[in-house]
Amino acid sequence: MRTIVVGLLVVVCLAVIAIPAFIARPQPVHVPSPERDTFRQLQFEGAPLWTRLGPFGAHVGGWQGILSAVASWVYLYLTSALMLVLFPHRVRLITQALKSGGWRNRLRLFVIGLLAALASALLAMLARFAFVWVVLIVILTGAVFVLSYLGLIGVSLMVGGSLRRWARWSPSPWLDLVLGSLVLFALGRIPIAGWICVGIISAWGLGAVLATHLGSGKVWSLQDWKTEE
């Protein structure tokens, strides 16, 4: 019975992923410049920008949209699996930090991630006054993106592991990653609300990454700093 429930959840996630492709209607746009033909699939009739784009890609209409969504999820899963293979110990500690404690600990991780994101945005704004401001902004944005993505992998493993344990299936990090990434990807496909859900989850995961010292399990301190007397 539990296997059936999890299977129905997977079907619901697949439906949520596919629905935007059938709702979106490409708007016929007469573009005089051939260079702008590439962006025709992003022109949806009566839809503002934040409903045309999602955290994991654009909402393209028709079968092209379904293929685009499948390709985006496959890319998300493969990159997550690569990070899991390269940094298994760090990903495990991040996932444990997300699971441990009650709602107070989860709220603390979310606040840490949110403050870190706001601080990085402030630093990016201040970097415009520096001589090499373009390089600094790229470095800050890339660092926050990589750390947030590492946190998303931890959340995916936590969600997928919870579903797998509830269904009483054999332990498998790859199955956990499949189930968790599918749920997160489905949430990101919801118009407008997907940005909010993925933003909250990213801040939560970023907080876990920072709280575990980038997944090393050490404590943030300056004890290793030695000054010459």
Protein backbone atom coordinates (compact mmCIF):
# COMPACT_ATOMS: atom_id res chain seq x y z
CA MET A 1 0.00 0.00 0.00
CA ARG A 2 2.81 2.41 0.84
CA THR A 3 4.50 1.62 -2.45
CA ILE A 4 1.28 2.55 -4.24
CA VAL A 5 1.10 5.87 -2.38
CA VAL A 6 4.68 6.74 -3.31
CA GLY A 7 3.95 5.71 -6.90
CA LEU A 8 0.93 8.01 -6.96
CA LEU A 9 3.11 10.82 -5.62
CA VAL A 10 5.55 10.24 -8.48
CA VAL A 11 2.67 10.36 -10.97
CA VAL A 12 1.47 13.65 -9.42
CA CYS A 13 4.96 15.11 -9.72
CA LEU A 14 5.16 14.06 -13.37
CA ALA A 15 1.75 15.65 -14.00
CA VAL A 16 2.85 18.90 -12.34
CA ILE A 17 5.98 18.90 -14.50
CA ALA A 18 4.00 18.31 -17.70
CA ILE A 19 1.00 20.61 -17.10
CA PRO A 20 2.83 23.93 -17.80
CA ALA A 21 3.79 22.59 -21.23
CA PHE A 22 0.11 22.15 -22.16
CA ILE A 23 -1.07 25.39 -20.55
CA ALA A 24 1.54 27.54 -22.25
CA ARG A 25 0.56 28.73 -25.70
CA PRO A 26 3.31 30.10 -27.91
CA GLN A 27 2.44 33.59 -29.07
CA PRO A 28 3.08 34.25 -32.75
CA VAL A 29 5.54 37.11 -32.72
CA HIS A 30 6.63 38.81 -35.92
CA VAL A 31 10.26 39.60 -35.29
CA PRO A 32 11.96 41.62 -37.98
CA SER A 33 15.41 40.70 -36.75
CA PRO A 34 16.38 37.03 -37.30
CA GLU A 35 18.63 37.14 -34.23
CA ARG A 36 15.55 37.30 -32.00
CA ASP A 37 14.00 34.13 -33.40
CA THR A 38 15.75 32.17 -30.68
CA PHE A 39 13.54 33.75 -28.04
CA ARG A 40 10.20 33.02 -29.70
CA GLN A 41 9.55 30.03 -27.46
CA LEU A 42 9.67 32.38 -24.47
CA GLN A 43 6.88 34.58 -25.82
CA PHE A 44 3.67 33.34 -24.21
CA GLU A 45 0.40 35.10 -24.82
CA GLY A 46 -0.71 37.24 -21.88
CA ALA A 47 1.88 35.76 -19.53
CA PRO A 48 4.31 37.93 -17.58
CA LEU A 49 7.98 37.08 -17.38
CA TRP A 50 7.86 35.36 -13.97
CA THR A 51 5.27 32.86 -15.25
CA ARG A 52 7.22 32.14 -18.43
CA LEU A 53 10.41 31.27 -16.57
CA GLY A 54 10.95 28.88 -13.69
CA PRO A 55 13.88 28.09 -11.42
CA PHE A 56 14.79 25.10 -13.61
CA GLY A 57 14.11 26.57 -17.04
CA ALA A 58 11.50 28.16 -19.26
CA HIS A 59 7.90 26.96 -19.57
CA VAL A 60 7.76 26.06 -23.24
CA GLY A 61 4.47 24.99 -24.81
CA GLY A 62 3.72 21.66 -26.47
CA TRP A 63 5.83 18.53 -26.68
CA GLN A 64 8.91 20.69 -26.92
CA GLY A 65 8.15 21.87 -23.40
CA ILE A 66 7.87 18.28 -22.11
CA LEU A 67 11.18 17.32 -23.71
CA SER A 68 12.75 20.47 -22.30
CA ALA A 69 11.45 19.64 -18.80
CA VAL A 70 12.74 16.06 -19.02
CA ALA A 71 16.14 17.27 -20.18
CA SER A 72 16.26 19.79 -17.32
CA TRP A 73 15.44 17.13 -14.72
CA VAL A 74 17.99 14.70 -16.18
CA TYR A 75 20.60 17.44 -16.03
CA LEU A 76 19.62 18.22 -12.43
CA TYR A 77 19.88 14.57 -11.44
CA LEU A 78 23.19 13.92 -13.21
CA THR A 79 24.88 16.99 -11.75
CA SER A 80 23.55 16.10 -8.30
CA ALA A 81 24.84 12.54 -8.67
CA LEU A 82 28.22 13.92 -9.75
CA MET A 83 28.41 16.11 -6.64
CA LEU A 84 27.43 13.11 -4.52
CA VAL A 85 30.23 11.03 -6.03
CA LEU A 86 32.83 13.78 -5.68
CA PHE A 87 31.89 14.91 -2.15
CA PRO A 88 30.06 12.02 -0.42
CA HIS A 89 31.20 12.92 3.09
CA ARG A 90 30.23 16.57 2.79
CA VAL A 91 26.85 15.80 1.23
CA ARG A 92 26.13 13.28 3.99
CA LEU A 93 26.91 15.79 6.75
CA ILE A 94 24.76 18.44 5.07
CA THR A 95 21.87 15.99 4.77
CA GLN A 96 22.25 14.98 8.43
CA ALA A 97 22.23 18.64 9.47
CA LEU A 98 18.96 19.15 7.60
CA LYS A 99 17.37 16.12 9.28
CA SER A 100 18.66 16.67 12.81
CA GLY A 101 16.84 18.81 15.37
CA GLY A 102 13.30 20.07 15.33
CA TRP A 103 11.67 23.06 13.72
CA ARG A 104 13.87 25.45 15.69
CA ASN A 105 17.01 24.04 14.11
CA ARG A 106 15.43 24.14 10.65
CA LEU A 107 14.36 27.73 11.21
CA ARG A 108 17.90 28.58 12.33
CA LEU A 109 19.36 27.07 9.16
CA PHE A 110 16.87 29.00 7.03
CA VAL A 111 17.75 32.27 8.74
CA ILE A 112 21.47 31.59 8.28
CA GLY A 113 21.00 30.91 4.59
CA LEU A 114 18.74 33.92 4.09
CA LEU A 115 21.19 36.26 5.82
CA ALA A 116 24.06 34.81 3.80
CA ALA A 117 22.17 35.40 0.55
CA LEU A 118 21.32 38.97 1.56
CA ALA A 119 24.93 39.62 2.60
CA SER A 120 26.21 38.31 -0.72
CA ALA A 121 23.73 40.53 -2.59
CA LEU A 122 24.93 43.53 -0.57
CA LEU A 123 28.55 42.68 -1.29
CA ALA A 124 27.74 42.35 -4.99
CA MET A 125 26.21 45.83 -4.94
CA LEU A 126 29.24 47.24 -3.13
CA ALA A 127 31.56 45.45 -5.54
CA ARG A 128 30.39 47.77 -8.31
CA PHE A 129 32.53 50.48 -6.74
CA ALA A 130 35.66 48.30 -6.91
CA PHE A 131 38.13 48.34 -9.76
CA VAL A 132 37.48 44.73 -10.78
CA TRP A 133 33.78 44.75 -9.88
CA VAL A 134 32.76 42.41 -12.71
CA VAL A 135 35.11 39.67 -11.50
CA LEU A 136 34.00 40.10 -7.88
CA ILE A 137 30.32 39.89 -8.78
CA VAL A 138 30.91 36.75 -10.84
CA ILE A 139 32.84 35.13 -7.98
CA LEU A 140 30.23 36.03 -5.36
CA THR A 141 27.32 34.91 -7.51
CA GLY A 142 29.06 31.69 -8.48
CA ALA A 143 29.97 30.87 -4.86
CA VAL A 144 26.40 31.41 -3.61
CA PHE A 145 25.01 29.38 -6.52
CA VAL A 146 27.34 26.41 -5.92
CA LEU A 147 26.75 26.37 -2.16
CA SER A 148 22.99 26.72 -2.61
CA TYR A 149 23.01 23.90 -5.16
CA LEU A 150 24.93 21.72 -2.72
CA GLY A 151 22.23 22.48 -0.15
CA LEU A 152 19.53 21.55 -2.67
CA ILE A 153 21.19 18.17 -3.11
CA GLY A 154 21.06 17.66 0.65
CA VAL A 155 17.36 18.57 0.70
CA SER A 156 16.70 16.19 -2.20
CA LEU A 157 18.41 13.33 -0.37
CA MET A 158 16.51 14.13 2.81
CA VAL A 159 13.11 14.21 1.08
CA GLY A 160 13.84 11.15 -1.04
CA GLY A 161 15.21 9.25 1.95
CA SER A 162 12.09 10.02 3.97
CA LEU A 163 9.86 8.72 1.17
CA ARG A 164 12.02 5.64 0.69
CA ARG A 165 12.04 4.78 4.40
CA TRP A 166 8.29 5.35 4.65
CA ALA A 167 7.75 2.97 1.73
CA ARG A 168 10.14 0.48 3.40
CA TRP A 169 12.37 0.13 0.37
CA SER A 170 16.01 -0.91 0.44
CA PRO A 171 18.50 1.88 1.23
CA SER A 172 19.91 3.51 -1.88
CA PRO A 173 21.28 7.06 -2.21
CA TRP A 174 20.52 6.99 -5.94
CA LEU A 175 16.86 6.19 -5.32
CA ASP A 176 16.73 8.89 -2.64
CA LEU A 177 18.19 11.35 -5.12
CA VAL A 178 15.69 10.35 -7.83
CA LEU A 179 12.66 10.77 -5.57
CA GLY A 180 13.88 13.95 -3.88
CA SER A 181 15.02 15.70 -7.06
CA LEU A 182 11.73 14.79 -8.75
CA VAL A 183 9.73 16.38 -5.91
CA LEU A 184 11.86 19.54 -5.90
CA PHE A 185 11.75 19.79 -9.68
CA ALA A 186 7.96 19.48 -9.63
CA LEU A 187 7.73 22.27 -7.04
CA GLY A 188 9.94 24.45 -9.23
CA ARG A 189 7.65 23.91 -12.22
CA ILE A 190 4.68 25.56 -10.49
CA PRO A 191 4.26 29.07 -11.97
CA ILE A 192 5.16 31.88 -9.54
CA ALA A 193 4.92 29.61 -6.47
CA GLY A 194 7.86 27.59 -7.77
CA TRP A 195 10.18 30.56 -7.31
CA ILE A 196 9.02 30.94 -3.70
CA CYS A 197 9.36 27.23 -2.90
CA VAL A 198 12.79 26.85 -4.48
CA GLY A 199 13.95 30.12 -2.88
CA ILE A 200 12.95 28.93 0.60
CA ILE A 201 14.50 25.50 0.03
CA SER A 202 17.70 27.04 -1.37
CA ALA A 203 18.05 29.33 1.65
CA TRP A 204 17.46 26.37 3.96
CA GLY A 205 20.06 24.26 2.16
CA LEU A 206 22.54 27.14 2.05
CA GLY A 207 22.16 27.52 5.81
CA ALA A 208 22.95 23.82 6.28
CA VAL A 209 26.05 24.13 4.10
CA LEU A 210 27.33 27.09 6.10
CA ALA A 211 26.39 25.57 9.48
CA THR A 212 28.43 22.45 8.69
CA HIS A 213 31.46 24.49 7.56
CA LEU A 214 30.85 23.71 3.89
CA GLY A 215 30.06 20.11 4.75
CA SER A 216 33.30 19.41 6.62
CA GLY A 217 31.66 19.17 10.03
CA LYS A 218 34.17 21.53 11.60
CA VAL A 219 33.41 24.65 13.59
CA TRP A 220 33.91 28.13 12.18
CA SER A 221 36.78 29.60 14.21
CA LEU A 222 40.15 31.34 13.95
CA GLN A 223 41.97 28.88 16.18
CA ASP A 224 44.09 27.67 13.29
CA TRP A 225 45.28 31.21 12.66
CA LYS A 226 48.72 31.60 14.19
CA THR A 227 50.39 34.94 14.53
CA GLU A 228 54.10 35.44 14.83
CA GLU A 229 55.26 36.96 18.07
